[in-house]
Amino acid sequence: MLRLLRMSSTSTGPVSTTIRQKLTEFFNPTHLEVECESHLHNVPKGAEKHFRVQIISDKFEGLSTLQRQRLVNKALAEELKTSVHALRIEARIPSEYEGQKQVDPPRCLGGGNR
C-alpha cells in the first residue's frame, strides 16, 4: 500500500532536522510536524531547546498515550540527554487524526541554561 507522508516544518536547524530524520526512520509516519518553540521561551536567540512534535503513525496502534510518548522519547533519547530541554508530543494513529494542529504551548520562563 502506498503511504503519503505529509511533513510540515517551521524549523530547519540541525536539531530539528535530526528529530525529523529519526522520527521518520523509526515510525514511518503518515504525517509529521516538528516545530521549534524555543522562541516562545527564555532561551538565547536561535537556540533549539523546546520542540513540538505531531506524529501520526500506525506504530502507535493499541498503545496508550503514555506508551506512545515513551516510544517517541526512546527514539529521541540522545537528543533528550544532550540538546533538547522540552518536547511536547502529540502521537496518534491515522484514524485519530483529522488534520488538526496542536494547541499553543504554555509560556515558559526556564530552560536556557542547558
PDB file of N, CA and C in Angstrom:
ATOM      1  N   MET A   1       0.841  -1.174   0.000  1.00  0.00           N
ATOM      2  CA  MET A   1       0.000   0.000   0.000  1.00  0.00           C
ATOM      3  C   MET A   1       0.889   1.242   0.000  1.00  0.00           C
ATOM      4  N   LEU A   2       0.614   2.183  -0.860  1.00  0.00           N
ATOM      5  CA  LEU A   2       1.347   3.434  -0.938  1.00  0.00           C
ATOM      6  C   LEU A   2       0.901   4.360   0.179  1.00  0.00           C
ATOM      7  N   ARG A   3       1.873   4.883   0.918  1.00  0.00           N
ATOM      8  CA  ARG A   3       1.564   5.778   2.031  1.00  0.00           C
ATOM      9  C   ARG A   3       2.044   7.173   1.680  1.00  0.00           C
ATOM     10  N   LEU A   4       1.216   8.136   1.915  1.00  0.00           N
ATOM     11  CA  LEU A   4       1.567   9.522   1.680  1.00  0.00           C
ATOM     12  C   LEU A   4       2.014  10.134   2.997  1.00  0.00           C
ATOM     13  N   LEU A   5       3.236  10.618   3.039  1.00  0.00           N
ATOM     14  CA  LEU A   5       3.759  11.273   4.229  1.00  0.00           C
ATOM     15  C   LEU A   5       3.642  12.768   4.048  1.00  0.00           C
ATOM     16  N   ARG A   6       2.865  13.381   4.938  1.00  0.00           N
ATOM     17  CA  ARG A   6       2.762  14.839   4.947  1.00  0.00           C
ATOM     18  C   ARG A   6       3.705  15.340   6.021  1.00  0.00           C
ATOM     19  N   MET A   7       4.694  16.095   5.603  1.00  0.00           N
ATOM     20  CA  MET A   7       5.629  16.646   6.571  1.00  0.00           C
ATOM     21  C   MET A   7       5.516  18.159   6.522  1.00  0.00           C
ATOM     22  N   SER A   8       5.461  18.721   7.683  1.00  0.00           N
ATOM     23  CA  SER A   8       5.382  20.156   7.809  1.00  0.00           C
ATOM     24  C   SER A   8       6.454  20.580   8.786  1.00  0.00           C
ATOM     25  N   SER A   9       7.096  21.678   8.488  1.00  0.00           N
ATOM     26  CA  SER A   9       8.124  22.122   9.405  1.00  0.00           C
ATOM     27  C   SER A   9       8.284  23.617   9.337  1.00  0.00           C
ATOM     28  N   THR A  10       8.366  24.205  10.497  1.00  0.00           N
ATOM     29  CA  THR A  10       8.733  25.613  10.574  1.00  0.00           C
ATOM     30  C   THR A  10      10.137  25.712  11.140  1.00  0.00           C
ATOM     31  N   SER A  11      10.791  24.565  11.334  1.00  0.00           N
ATOM     32  CA  SER A  11      12.124  24.515  11.915  1.00  0.00           C
ATOM     33  C   SER A  11      13.084  23.885  10.926  1.00  0.00           C
ATOM     34  N   THR A  12      14.225  24.526  10.737  1.00  0.00           N
ATOM     35  CA  THR A  12      15.194  24.000   9.785  1.00  0.00           C
ATOM     36  C   THR A  12      16.585  23.876  10.386  1.00  0.00           C
ATOM     37  N   GLY A  13      16.727  24.077  11.683  1.00  0.00           N
ATOM     38  CA  GLY A  13      18.030  23.967  12.329  1.00  0.00           C
ATOM     39  C   GLY A  13      18.487  22.529  12.425  1.00  0.00           C
ATOM     40  N   PRO A  14      19.734  22.325  12.868  1.00  0.00           N
ATOM     41  CA  PRO A  14      20.286  20.969  12.922  1.00  0.00           C
ATOM     42  C   PRO A  14      19.563  20.038  13.898  1.00  0.00           C
ATOM     43  N   VAL A  15      19.116  20.525  15.037  1.00  0.00           N
ATOM     44  CA  VAL A  15      18.408  19.670  15.990  1.00  0.00           C
ATOM     45  C   VAL A  15      17.046  19.299  15.414  1.00  0.00           C
ATOM     46  N   SER A  16      16.343  20.264  14.852  1.00  0.00           N
ATOM     47  CA  SER A  16      15.049  19.994  14.211  1.00  0.00           C
ATOM     48  C   SER A  16      15.188  18.959  13.106  1.00  0.00           C
ATOM     49  N   THR A  17      16.226  19.091  12.306  1.00  0.00           N
ATOM     50  CA  THR A  17      16.468  18.164  11.203  1.00  0.00           C
ATOM     51  C   THR A  17      16.729  16.758  11.720  1.00  0.00           C
ATOM     52  N   THR A  18      17.524  16.640  12.771  1.00  0.00           N
ATOM     53  CA  THR A  18      17.810  15.333  13.360  1.00  0.00           C
ATOM     54  C   THR A  18      16.544  14.697  13.924  1.00  0.00           C
ATOM     55  N   ILE A  19      15.740  15.480  14.618  1.00  0.00           N
ATOM     56  CA  ILE A  19      14.475  14.972  15.166  1.00  0.00           C
ATOM     57  C   ILE A  19      13.595  14.443  14.040  1.00  0.00           C
ATOM     58  N   ARG A  20      13.451  15.223  12.990  1.00  0.00           N
ATOM     59  CA  ARG A  20      12.613  14.833  11.850  1.00  0.00           C
ATOM     60  C   ARG A  20      13.121  13.535  11.216  1.00  0.00           C
ATOM     61  N   GLN A  21      14.447  13.435  11.018  1.00  0.00           N
ATOM     62  CA  GLN A  21      15.019  12.239  10.396  1.00  0.00           C
ATOM     63  C   GLN A  21      14.804  10.998  11.257  1.00  0.00           C
ATOM     64  N   LYS A  22      15.073  11.110  12.542  1.00  0.00           N
ATOM     65  CA  LYS A  22      14.925   9.952  13.425  1.00  0.00           C
ATOM     66  C   LYS A  22      13.474   9.487  13.516  1.00  0.00           C
ATOM     67  N   LEU A  23      12.552  10.422  13.651  1.00  0.00           N
ATOM     68  CA  LEU A  23      11.143  10.043  13.752  1.00  0.00           C
ATOM     69  C   LEU A  23      10.635   9.431  12.448  1.00  0.00           C
ATOM     70  N   THR A  24      11.095   9.937  11.327  1.00  0.00           N
ATOM     71  CA  THR A  24      10.709   9.386  10.028  1.00  0.00           C
ATOM     72  C   THR A  24      11.219   7.963   9.876  1.00  0.00           C
ATOM     73  N   GLU A  25      12.476   7.734  10.239  1.00  0.00           N
ATOM     74  CA  GLU A  25      13.065   6.400  10.114  1.00  0.00           C
ATOM     75  C   GLU A  25      12.406   5.401  11.070  1.00  0.00           C
ATOM     76  N   PHE A  26      12.152   5.811  12.293  1.00  0.00           N
ATOM     77  CA  PHE A  26      11.647   4.910  13.323  1.00  0.00           C
ATOM     78  C   PHE A  26      10.158   4.603  13.158  1.00  0.00           C
ATOM     79  N   PHE A  27       9.363   5.609  12.772  1.00  0.00           N
ATOM     80  CA  PHE A  27       7.909   5.457  12.778  1.00  0.00           C
ATOM     81  C   PHE A  27       7.254   5.363  11.401  1.00  0.00           C
ATOM     82  N   ASN A  28       7.955   5.739  10.334  1.00  0.00           N
ATOM     83  CA  ASN A  28       7.334   5.770   9.007  1.00  0.00           C
ATOM     84  C   ASN A  28       5.971   6.465   9.085  1.00  0.00           C
ATOM     85  N   PRO A  29       5.944   7.716   9.565  1.00  0.00           N
ATOM     86  CA  PRO A  29       4.662   8.388   9.808  1.00  0.00           C
ATOM     87  C   PRO A  29       3.930   8.772   8.528  1.00  0.00           C
ATOM     88  N   THR A  30       2.613   8.884   8.646  1.00  0.00           N
ATOM     89  CA  THR A  30       1.812   9.409   7.543  1.00  0.00           C
ATOM     90  C   THR A  30       1.741  10.930   7.615  1.00  0.00           C
ATOM     91  N   HIS A  31       2.035  11.469   8.786  1.00  0.00           N
ATOM     92  CA  HIS A  31       2.062  12.918   8.987  1.00  0.00           C
ATOM     93  C   HIS A  31       3.082  13.207  10.088  1.00  0.00           C
ATOM     94  N   LEU A  32       3.897  14.244   9.876  1.00  0.00           N
ATOM     95  CA  LEU A  32       4.889  14.620  10.869  1.00  0.00           C
ATOM     96  C   LEU A  32       5.104  16.122  10.835  1.00  0.00           C
ATOM     97  N   GLU A  33       4.962  16.740  11.986  1.00  0.00           N
ATOM     98  CA  GLU A  33       5.306  18.151  12.145  1.00  0.00           C
ATOM     99  C   GLU A  33       6.331  18.248  13.259  1.00  0.00           C
ATOM    100  N   VAL A  34       7.403  18.957  12.995  1.00  0.00           N
ATOM    101  CA  VAL A  34       8.423  19.246  14.000  1.00  0.00           C
ATOM    102  C   VAL A  34       8.580  20.749  14.022  1.00  0.00           C
ATOM    103  N   GLU A  35       8.289  21.330  15.159  1.00  0.00           N
ATOM    104  CA  GLU A  35       8.347  22.788  15.275  1.00  0.00           C
ATOM    105  C   GLU A  35       9.187  23.175  16.488  1.00  0.00           C
ATOM    106  N   CYS A  36      10.174  24.012  16.245  1.00  0.00           N
ATOM    107  CA  CYS A  36      10.972  24.546  17.347  1.00  0.00           C
ATOM    108  C   CYS A  36      10.184  25.684  17.984  1.00  0.00           C
ATOM    109  N   GLU A  37       9.921  25.551  19.279  1.00  0.00           N
ATOM    110  CA  GLU A  37       9.168  26.569  20.015  1.00  0.00           C
ATOM    111  C   GLU A  37      10.067  27.360  20.965  1.00  0.00           C
ATOM    112  N   SER A  38      11.353  27.286  20.766  1.00  0.00           N
ATOM    113  CA  SER A  38      12.295  27.945  21.668  1.00  0.00           C
ATOM    114  C   SER A  38      12.098  29.457  21.716  1.00  0.00           C
ATOM    115  N   HIS A  39      11.657  30.029  20.614  1.00  0.00           N
ATOM    116  CA  HIS A  39      11.443  31.473  20.582  1.00  0.00           C
ATOM    117  C   HIS A  39      10.349  31.917  21.557  1.00  0.00           C
ATOM    118  N   LEU A  40       9.540  30.965  22.028  1.00  0.00           N
ATOM    119  CA  LEU A  40       8.473  31.270  22.986  1.00  0.00           C
ATOM    120  C   LEU A  40       8.951  31.157  24.429  1.00  0.00           C
ATOM    121  N   HIS A  41      10.208  30.820  24.623  1.00  0.00           N
ATOM    122  CA  HIS A  41      10.746  30.549  25.951  1.00  0.00           C
ATOM    123  C   HIS A  41      11.951  31.438  26.243  1.00  0.00           C
ATOM    124  N   ASN A  42      12.406  31.367  27.470  1.00  0.00           N
ATOM    125  CA  ASN A  42      13.519  32.187  27.934  1.00  0.00           C
ATOM    126  C   ASN A  42      14.843  31.491  27.629  1.00  0.00           C
ATOM    127  N   VAL A  43      15.202  31.473  26.349  1.00  0.00           N
ATOM    128  CA  VAL A  43      16.458  30.880  25.901  1.00  0.00           C
ATOM    129  C   VAL A  43      17.135  31.857  24.950  1.00  0.00           C
ATOM    130  N   PRO A  44      18.433  31.697  24.726  1.00  0.00           N
ATOM    131  CA  PRO A  44      19.114  32.592  23.790  1.00  0.00           C
ATOM    132  C   PRO A  44      18.511  32.527  22.389  1.00  0.00           C
ATOM    133  N   LYS A  45      18.567  33.642  21.686  1.00  0.00           N
ATOM    134  CA  LYS A  45      18.038  33.706  20.320  1.00  0.00           C
ATOM    135  C   LYS A  45      18.726  32.660  19.445  1.00  0.00           C
ATOM    136  N   GLY A  46      17.937  31.944  18.676  1.00  0.00           N
ATOM    137  CA  GLY A  46      18.454  30.918  17.781  1.00  0.00           C
ATOM    138  C   GLY A  46      18.641  29.558  18.428  1.00  0.00           C
ATOM    139  N   ALA A  47      18.359  29.456  19.720  1.00  0.00           N
ATOM    140  CA  ALA A  47      18.511  28.175  20.418  1.00  0.00           C
ATOM    141  C   ALA A  47      17.466  27.178  19.938  1.00  0.00           C
ATOM    142  N   GLU A  48      17.834  25.928  19.923  1.00  0.00           N
ATOM    143  CA  GLU A  48      16.901  24.840  19.604  1.00  0.00           C
ATOM    144  C   GLU A  48      16.805  23.964  20.849  1.00  0.00           C
ATOM    145  N   LYS A  49      15.909  24.324  21.749  1.00  0.00           N
ATOM    146  CA  LYS A  49      15.768  23.625  23.031  1.00  0.00           C
ATOM    147  C   LYS A  49      14.371  23.077  23.270  1.00  0.00           C
ATOM    148  N   HIS A  50      13.343  23.780  22.784  1.00  0.00           N
ATOM    149  CA  HIS A  50      11.940  23.419  23.036  1.00  0.00           C
ATOM    150  C   HIS A  50      11.285  23.052  21.704  1.00  0.00           C
ATOM    151  N   PHE A  51      10.640  21.880  21.676  1.00  0.00           N
ATOM    152  CA  PHE A  51      10.042  21.408  20.430  1.00  0.00           C
ATOM    153  C   PHE A  51       8.623  20.909  20.626  1.00  0.00           C
ATOM    154  N   ARG A  52       7.872  20.987  19.549  1.00  0.00           N
ATOM    155  CA  ARG A  52       6.540  20.406  19.449  1.00  0.00           C
ATOM    156  C   ARG A  52       6.601  19.400  18.310  1.00  0.00           C
ATOM    157  N   VAL A  53       6.120  18.194  18.575  1.00  0.00           N
ATOM    158  CA  VAL A  53       6.076  17.150  17.559  1.00  0.00           C
ATOM    159  C   VAL A  53       4.647  16.644  17.454  1.00  0.00           C
ATOM    160  N   GLN A  54       4.137  16.629  16.252  1.00  0.00           N
ATOM    161  CA  GLN A  54       2.857  15.988  15.968  1.00  0.00           C
ATOM    162  C   GLN A  54       3.179  14.872  14.980  1.00  0.00           C
ATOM    163  N   ILE A  55       2.939  13.637  15.412  1.00  0.00           N
ATOM    164  CA  ILE A  55       3.303  12.485  14.600  1.00  0.00           C
ATOM    165  C   ILE A  55       2.131  11.517  14.527  1.00  0.00           C
ATOM    166  N   ILE A  56       1.842  11.082  13.312  1.00  0.00           N
ATOM    167  CA  ILE A  56       0.748  10.150  13.061  1.00  0.00           C
ATOM    168  C   ILE A  56       1.367   8.891  12.438  1.00  0.00           C
ATOM    169  N   SER A  57       1.188   7.761  13.122  1.00  0.00           N
ATOM    170  CA  SER A  57       1.817   6.532  12.656  1.00  0.00           C
ATOM    171  C   SER A  57       1.010   5.309  13.086  1.00  0.00           C
ATOM    172  N   ASP A  58       1.048   4.292  12.246  1.00  0.00           N
ATOM    173  CA  ASP A  58       0.418   3.011  12.581  1.00  0.00           C
ATOM    174  C   ASP A  58       1.130   2.318  13.747  1.00  0.00           C
ATOM    175  N   LYS A  59       2.371   2.677  14.007  1.00  0.00           N
ATOM    176  CA  LYS A  59       3.129   2.044  15.097  1.00  0.00           C
ATOM    177  C   LYS A  59       2.538   2.341  16.471  1.00  0.00           C
ATOM    178  N   PHE A  60       1.633   3.307  16.563  1.00  0.00           N
ATOM    179  CA  PHE A  60       1.015   3.646  17.848  1.00  0.00           C
ATOM    180  C   PHE A  60      -0.268   2.852  18.104  1.00  0.00           C
ATOM    181  N   GLU A  61      -0.669   2.036  17.146  1.00  0.00           N
ATOM    182  CA  GLU A  61      -1.903   1.257  17.276  1.00  0.00           C
ATOM    183  C   GLU A  61      -1.864   0.389  18.533  1.00  0.00           C
ATOM    184  N   GLY A  62      -2.918   0.489  19.339  1.00  0.00           N
ATOM    185  CA  GLY A  62      -3.043  -0.320  20.536  1.00  0.00           C
ATOM    186  C   GLY A  62      -2.265   0.183  21.743  1.00  0.00           C
ATOM    187  N   LEU A  63      -1.568   1.308  21.607  1.00  0.00           N
ATOM    188  CA  LEU A  63      -0.780   1.853  22.710  1.00  0.00           C
ATOM    189  C   LEU A  63      -1.515   2.998  23.391  1.00  0.00           C
ATOM    190  N   SER A  64      -1.310   3.135  24.683  1.00  0.00           N
ATOM    191  CA  SER A  64      -1.880   4.268  25.422  1.00  0.00           C
ATOM    192  C   SER A  64      -1.109   5.540  25.057  1.00  0.00           C
ATOM    193  N   THR A  65      -1.647   6.669  25.457  1.00  0.00           N
ATOM    194  CA  THR A  65      -0.974   7.947  25.214  1.00  0.00           C
ATOM    195  C   THR A  65       0.424   7.940  25.827  1.00  0.00           C
ATOM    196  N   LEU A  66       0.529   7.455  27.044  1.00  0.00           N
ATOM    197  CA  LEU A  66       1.820   7.404  27.727  1.00  0.00           C
ATOM    198  C   LEU A  66       2.795   6.485  26.994  1.00  0.00           C
ATOM    199  N   GLN A  67       2.339   5.336  26.544  1.00  0.00           N
ATOM    200  CA  GLN A  67       3.202   4.411  25.807  1.00  0.00           C
ATOM    201  C   GLN A  67       3.683   5.029  24.496  1.00  0.00           C
ATOM    202  N   ARG A  68       2.822   5.762  23.840  1.00  0.00           N
ATOM    203  CA  ARG A  68       3.196   6.434  22.591  1.00  0.00           C
ATOM    204  C   ARG A  68       4.268   7.477  22.848  1.00  0.00           C
ATOM    205  N   GLN A  69       4.082   8.266  23.896  1.00  0.00           N
ATOM    206  CA  GLN A  69       5.057   9.302  24.221  1.00  0.00           C
ATOM    207  C   GLN A  69       6.398   8.695  24.627  1.00  0.00           C
ATOM    208  N   ARG A  70       6.349   7.605  25.357  1.00  0.00           N
ATOM    209  CA  ARG A  70       7.594   6.922  25.738  1.00  0.00           C
ATOM    210  C   ARG A  70       8.327   6.389  24.516  1.00  0.00           C
ATOM    211  N   LEU A  71       7.588   5.908  23.532  1.00  0.00           N
ATOM    212  CA  LEU A  71       8.199   5.409  22.308  1.00  0.00           C
ATOM    213  C   LEU A  71       8.890   6.541  21.543  1.00  0.00           C
ATOM    214  N   VAL A  72       8.248   7.697  21.477  1.00  0.00           N
ATOM    215  CA  VAL A  72       8.875   8.856  20.832  1.00  0.00           C
ATOM    216  C   VAL A  72      10.112   9.276  21.624  1.00  0.00           C
ATOM    217  N   ASN A  73      10.000   9.319  22.943  1.00  0.00           N
ATOM    218  CA  ASN A  73      11.155   9.669  23.779  1.00  0.00           C
ATOM    219  C   ASN A  73      12.309   8.692  23.569  1.00  0.00           C
ATOM    220  N   LYS A  74      11.995   7.414  23.409  1.00  0.00           N
ATOM    221  CA  LYS A  74      13.031   6.408  23.168  1.00  0.00           C
ATOM    222  C   LYS A  74      13.751   6.671  21.846  1.00  0.00           C
ATOM    223  N   ALA A  75      12.984   7.004  20.814  1.00  0.00           N
ATOM    224  CA  ALA A  75      13.577   7.287  19.504  1.00  0.00           C
ATOM    225  C   ALA A  75      14.485   8.513  19.552  1.00  0.00           C
ATOM    226  N   LEU A  76      14.181   9.442  20.465  1.00  0.00           N
ATOM    227  CA  LEU A  76      14.954  10.691  20.571  1.00  0.00           C
ATOM    228  C   LEU A  76      15.781  10.750  21.858  1.00  0.00           C
ATOM    229  N   ALA A  77      16.143   9.594  22.397  1.00  0.00           N
ATOM    230  CA  ALA A  77      16.841   9.531  23.691  1.00  0.00           C
ATOM    231  C   ALA A  77      18.117  10.365  23.706  1.00  0.00           C
ATOM    232  N   GLU A  78      18.907  10.296  22.668  1.00  0.00           N
ATOM    233  CA  GLU A  78      20.173  11.043  22.638  1.00  0.00           C
ATOM    234  C   GLU A  78      19.936  12.549  22.658  1.00  0.00           C
ATOM    235  N   GLU A  79      18.970  13.005  21.887  1.00  0.00           N
ATOM    236  CA  GLU A  79      18.666  14.436  21.843  1.00  0.00           C
ATOM    237  C   GLU A  79      18.121  14.912  23.188  1.00  0.00           C
ATOM    238  N   LEU A  80      17.320  14.093  23.844  1.00  0.00           N
ATOM    239  CA  LEU A  80      16.763  14.463  25.144  1.00  0.00           C
ATOM    240  C   LEU A  80      17.843  14.505  26.219  1.00  0.00           C
ATOM    241  N   LYS A  81      18.902  13.731  26.054  1.00  0.00           N
ATOM    242  CA  LYS A  81      20.014  13.755  27.004  1.00  0.00           C
ATOM    243  C   LYS A  81      20.938  14.944  26.771  1.00  0.00           C
ATOM    244  N   THR A  82      21.008  15.425  25.540  1.00  0.00           N
ATOM    245  CA  THR A  82      22.024  16.424  25.196  1.00  0.00           C
ATOM    246  C   THR A  82      21.466  17.805  24.849  1.00  0.00           C
ATOM    247  N   SER A  83      20.640  17.899  23.836  1.00  0.00           N
ATOM    248  CA  SER A  83      20.302  19.212  23.304  1.00  0.00           C
ATOM    249  C   SER A  83      18.861  19.670  23.511  1.00  0.00           C
ATOM    250  N   VAL A  84      17.943  18.767  23.750  1.00  0.00           N
ATOM    251  CA  VAL A  84      16.529  19.134  23.865  1.00  0.00           C
ATOM    252  C   VAL A  84      16.143  19.267  25.333  1.00  0.00           C
ATOM    253  N   HIS A  85      15.602  20.430  25.688  1.00  0.00           N
ATOM    254  CA  HIS A  85      15.157  20.686  27.061  1.00  0.00           C
ATOM    255  C   HIS A  85      13.702  20.263  27.266  1.00  0.00           C
ATOM    256  N   ALA A  86      12.852  20.505  26.253  1.00  0.00           N
ATOM    257  CA  ALA A  86      11.426  20.204  26.380  1.00  0.00           C
ATOM    258  C   ALA A  86      10.894  19.681  25.047  1.00  0.00           C
ATOM    259  N   LEU A  87      10.043  18.657  25.144  1.00  0.00           N
ATOM    260  CA  LEU A  87       9.454  18.060  23.953  1.00  0.00           C
ATOM    261  C   LEU A  87       7.968  17.849  24.202  1.00  0.00           C
ATOM    262  N   ARG A  88       7.156  18.545  23.432  1.00  0.00           N
ATOM    263  CA  ARG A  88       5.701  18.423  23.519  1.00  0.00           C
ATOM    264  C   ARG A  88       5.267  17.488  22.400  1.00  0.00           C
ATOM    265  N   ILE A  89       4.619  16.383  22.761  1.00  0.00           N
ATOM    266  CA  ILE A  89       4.329  15.312  21.801  1.00  0.00           C
ATOM    267  C   ILE A  89       2.833  15.090  21.651  1.00  0.00           C
ATOM    268  N   GLU A  90       2.403  15.020  20.412  1.00  0.00           N
ATOM    269  CA  GLU A  90       1.074  14.506  20.083  1.00  0.00           C
ATOM    270  C   GLU A  90       1.309  13.328  19.156  1.00  0.00           C
ATOM    271  N   ALA A  91       1.035  12.136  19.632  1.00  0.00           N
ATOM    272  CA  ALA A  91       1.257  10.910  18.863  1.00  0.00           C
ATOM    273  C   ALA A  91      -0.078  10.195  18.703  1.00  0.00           C
ATOM    274  N   ARG A  92      -0.473  10.013  17.448  1.00  0.00           N
ATOM    275  CA  ARG A  92      -1.776   9.401  17.158  1.00  0.00           C
ATOM    276  C   ARG A  92      -1.657   8.371  16.048  1.00  0.00           C
ATOM    277  N   ILE A  93      -2.697   7.563  15.926  1.00  0.00           N
ATOM    278  CA  ILE A  93      -2.806   6.667  14.782  1.00  0.00           C
ATOM    279  C   ILE A  93      -3.607   7.391  13.705  1.00  0.00           C
ATOM    280  N   PRO A  94      -3.491   6.955  12.449  1.00  0.00           N
ATOM    281  CA  PRO A  94      -4.176   7.669  11.360  1.00  0.00           C
ATOM    282  C   PRO A  94      -5.678   7.858  11.569  1.00  0.00           C
ATOM    283  N   SER A  95      -6.366   6.893  12.160  1.00  0.00           N
ATOM    284  CA  SER A  95      -7.816   7.033  12.336  1.00  0.00           C
ATOM    285  C   SER A  95      -8.183   8.088  13.379  1.00  0.00           C
ATOM    286  N   GLU A  96      -7.231   8.507  14.203  1.00  0.00           N
ATOM    287  CA  GLU A  96      -7.481   9.538  15.215  1.00  0.00           C
ATOM    288  C   GLU A  96      -7.154  10.947  14.715  1.00  0.00           C
ATOM    289  N   TYR A  97      -6.534  11.025  13.564  1.00  0.00           N
ATOM    290  CA  TYR A  97      -6.051  12.317  13.071  1.00  0.00           C
ATOM    291  C   TYR A  97      -6.984  12.867  12.004  1.00  0.00           C
ATOM    292  N   GLU A  98      -7.398  14.097  12.194  1.00  0.00           N
ATOM    293  CA  GLU A  98      -8.297  14.737  11.232  1.00  0.00           C
ATOM    294  C   GLU A  98      -7.711  16.024  10.680  1.00  0.00           C
ATOM    295  N   GLY A  99      -6.383  16.147  10.682  1.00  0.00           N
ATOM    296  CA  GLY A  99      -5.734  17.315  10.113  1.00  0.00           C
ATOM    297  C   GLY A  99      -5.643  18.506  11.035  1.00  0.00           C
ATOM    298  N   GLN A 100      -5.948  18.328  12.307  1.00  0.00           N
ATOM    299  CA  GLN A 100      -5.914  19.444  13.235  1.00  0.00           C
ATOM    300  C   GLN A 100      -4.505  19.678  13.766  1.00  0.00           C
ATOM    301  N   LYS A 101      -4.192  20.919  14.018  1.00  0.00           N
ATOM    302  CA  LYS A 101      -2.901  21.298  14.574  1.00  0.00           C
ATOM    303  C   LYS A 101      -3.015  21.332  16.093  1.00  0.00           C
ATOM    304  N   GLN A 102      -1.887  21.126  16.764  1.00  0.00           N
ATOM    305  CA  GLN A 102      -1.872  21.172  18.218  1.00  0.00           C
ATOM    306  C   GLN A 102      -2.185  22.575  18.721  1.00  0.00           C
ATOM    307  N   VAL A 103      -2.612  22.640  19.988  1.00  0.00           N
ATOM    308  CA  VAL A 103      -2.894  23.925  20.609  1.00  0.00           C
ATOM    309  C   VAL A 103      -1.592  24.634  20.943  1.00  0.00           C
ATOM    310  N   ASP A 104      -1.672  25.944  21.171  1.00  0.00           N
ATOM    311  CA  ASP A 104      -0.491  26.726  21.515  1.00  0.00           C
ATOM    312  C   ASP A 104       0.111  26.256  22.824  1.00  0.00           C
ATOM    313  N   PRO A 105       1.431  26.349  22.949  1.00  0.00           N
ATOM    314  CA  PRO A 105       2.100  25.893  24.162  1.00  0.00           C
ATOM    315  C   PRO A 105       1.951  26.886  25.309  1.00  0.00           C
ATOM    316  N   PRO A 106       2.146  26.399  26.526  1.00  0.00           N
ATOM    317  CA  PRO A 106       2.169  27.322  27.666  1.00  0.00           C
ATOM    318  C   PRO A 106       3.466  28.133  27.650  1.00  0.00           C
ATOM    319  N   ARG A 107       3.457  29.277  28.276  1.00  0.00           N
ATOM    320  CA  ARG A 107       4.658  30.104  28.361  1.00  0.00           C
ATOM    321  C   ARG A 107       5.626  29.491  29.365  1.00  0.00           C
ATOM    322  N   CYS A 108       6.901  29.647  29.119  1.00  0.00           N
ATOM    323  CA  CYS A 108       7.943  29.054  29.953  1.00  0.00           C
ATOM    324  C   CYS A 108       8.950  30.118  30.323  1.00  0.00           C
ATOM    325  N   LEU A 109       9.478  30.046  31.525  1.00  0.00           N
ATOM    326  CA  LEU A 109      10.470  31.016  31.985  1.00  0.00           C
ATOM    327  C   LEU A 109      11.865  30.415  32.142  1.00  0.00           C
ATOM    328  N   GLY A 110      11.996  29.107  31.970  1.00  0.00           N
ATOM    329  CA  GLY A 110      13.289  28.475  32.216  1.00  0.00           C
ATOM    330  C   GLY A 110      13.772  27.697  31.021  1.00  0.00           C
ATOM    331  N   GLY A 111      14.876  27.010  31.224  1.00  0.00           N
ATOM    332  CA  GLY A 111      15.394  26.131  30.189  1.00  0.00           C
ATOM    333  C   GLY A 111      16.546  26.676  29.401  1.00  0.00           C
ATOM    334  N   GLY A 112      16.978  27.877  29.639  1.00  0.00           N
ATOM    335  CA  GLY A 112      18.065  28.450  28.856  1.00  0.00           C
ATOM    336  C   GLY A 112      19.436  28.057  29.303  1.00  0.00           C
ATOM    337  N   ASN A 113      19.556  27.392  30.425  1.00  0.00           N
ATOM    338  CA  ASN A 113      20.868  27.069  30.963  1.00  0.00           C
ATOM    339  C   ASN A 113      21.370  25.700  30.550  1.00  0.00           C
ATOM    340  N   ARG A 114      20.622  24.978  29.776  1.00  0.00           N
ATOM    341  CA  ARG A 114      21.014  23.626  29.407  1.00  0.00           C
ATOM    342  C   ARG A 114      21.600  23.568  28.031  1.00  0.00           C
TER     343      ARG A 114
END
